[in-house]
């Protein structure tokens, strides 16, 4: 069984025991979090409008970690003009523990 969940404005296809990296969630390592379910798949497919009623996906926060550094570099040729900026997103690593289909 798999599910499509929404976290941080993005959608993720997950199954039990998957480890995913999502945008930062305010929770300590070891805490349990739940996600809204957009679609359930398996033997039969259930699509929500917009969410599947009674379905839930729970996960355990593994760690809070910074993402890879993204560098934005702009240069205008022959004008001695350049700009360099770096950015590291705050990410949360989550292990999916269970997918409940509900009623």
Protein backbone atom coordinates (compact mmCIF):
# COMPACT_ATOMS: atom_id res chain seq x y z
CA UNK A 1 0.00 0.00 0.00
CA UNK A 2 1.21 3.50 -0.78
CA UNK A 3 -0.08 7.01 -0.24
CA UNK A 4 0.43 10.46 -1.67
CA UNK A 5 0.85 12.99 1.11
CA UNK A 6 1.25 16.75 1.23
CA UNK A 7 4.02 18.35 3.29
CA UNK A 8 5.38 21.84 2.95
CA UNK A 9 3.40 22.59 -0.21
CA UNK A 10 4.85 19.58 -2.03
CA UNK A 11 3.49 16.09 -2.69
CA UNK A 12 5.33 12.87 -1.86
CA UNK A 13 4.57 9.24 -2.74
CA UNK A 14 5.32 7.17 0.37
CA UNK A 15 5.03 3.61 1.61
CA UNK A 16 5.62 2.11 5.06
CA UNK A 17 9.25 2.37 6.28
CA UNK A 18 10.18 4.99 3.64
CA UNK A 19 12.53 7.78 4.67
CA UNK A 20 11.73 11.16 3.09
CA UNK A 21 13.20 14.64 3.39
CA UNK A 22 10.65 17.44 3.68
CA UNK A 23 10.75 21.15 4.48
CA UNK A 24 11.31 21.91 8.16
CA UNK A 25 8.65 20.66 10.58
CA UNK A 26 8.70 22.07 14.10
CA UNK A 27 9.22 18.80 15.99
CA UNK A 28 12.00 17.19 17.98
CA UNK A 29 13.81 14.06 16.83
CA UNK A 30 11.73 11.01 17.81
CA UNK A 31 8.44 12.91 17.74
CA UNK A 32 5.46 11.56 15.81
CA UNK A 33 3.92 13.64 13.01
CA UNK A 34 0.90 13.06 10.78
CA UNK A 35 0.32 14.16 7.20
CA UNK A 36 -2.82 14.85 5.13
CA UNK A 37 -3.50 12.10 2.57
CA UNK A 38 -4.35 13.09 -1.00
CA UNK A 39 -4.48 9.57 -2.48
CA UNK A 40 -4.30 5.95 -1.31
CA UNK A 41 -3.08 3.20 -3.61
CA UNK A 42 -2.81 -0.56 -3.45
CA UNK A 43 -5.36 -3.11 -4.62
CA UNK A 44 -7.85 -0.27 -5.10
CA UNK A 45 -7.04 3.40 -5.61
CA UNK A 46 -8.83 6.07 -3.58
CA UNK A 47 -8.44 9.69 -4.65
CA UNK A 48 -9.48 12.42 -2.24
CA UNK A 49 -11.32 15.61 -3.07
CA UNK A 50 -9.02 17.16 -1.85
CA UNK A 51 -8.26 14.78 1.05
CA UNK A 52 -9.15 11.13 1.65
CA UNK A 53 -11.61 10.99 4.56
CA UNK A 54 -10.45 8.93 7.53
CA UNK A 55 -7.02 8.13 6.06
CA UNK A 56 -3.85 9.08 7.87
CA UNK A 57 -0.12 8.70 7.43
CA UNK A 58 2.09 8.92 10.50
CA UNK A 59 5.82 9.28 10.62
CA UNK A 60 8.65 9.67 13.08
CA UNK A 61 11.10 12.57 12.89
CA UNK A 62 14.60 11.15 12.46
CA UNK A 63 16.59 14.40 12.44
CA UNK A 64 16.62 18.08 11.60
CA UNK A 65 19.33 18.81 9.03
CA UNK A 66 20.38 21.62 6.71
CA UNK A 67 20.09 20.95 3.00
CA UNK A 68 22.76 21.30 0.33
CA UNK A 69 24.07 24.78 -0.33
CA UNK A 70 22.54 26.49 -3.35
CA UNK A 71 24.66 29.26 -4.86
CA UNK A 72 23.15 32.05 -6.96
CA UNK A 73 25.89 33.80 -8.93
CA UNK A 74 25.16 36.71 -11.24
CA UNK A 75 27.76 38.38 -13.42
CA UNK A 76 27.50 41.14 -15.98
CA UNK A 77 30.37 40.90 -18.42
CA UNK A 78 32.83 43.78 -18.79
CA UNK A 79 31.20 45.84 -16.06
CA UNK A 80 33.08 44.59 -13.01
CA UNK A 81 29.71 43.63 -11.54
CA UNK A 82 29.04 40.34 -9.85
CA UNK A 83 26.97 39.05 -6.96
CA UNK A 84 27.19 35.76 -5.08
CA UNK A 85 24.60 34.53 -2.60
CA UNK A 86 24.34 31.22 -0.79
CA UNK A 87 21.30 29.51 0.71
CA UNK A 88 20.79 26.35 2.77
CA UNK A 89 17.24 25.21 3.39
CA UNK A 90 16.25 23.77 6.77
CA UNK A 91 15.02 20.20 6.20
CA UNK A 92 13.47 17.45 8.29
CA UNK A 93 14.12 13.75 7.72
CA UNK A 94 11.01 11.65 8.43
CA UNK A 95 10.55 7.86 8.52
CA UNK A 96 7.02 6.78 7.60
CA UNK A 97 5.75 4.38 10.26
CA UNK A 98 2.19 3.57 9.19
CA UNK A 99 -0.50 4.19 6.60
CA UNK A 100 -4.07 3.83 7.85
CA UNK A 101 -6.89 3.64 5.29
CA UNK A 102 -9.61 4.50 7.79
CA UNK A 103 -13.28 3.70 7.31
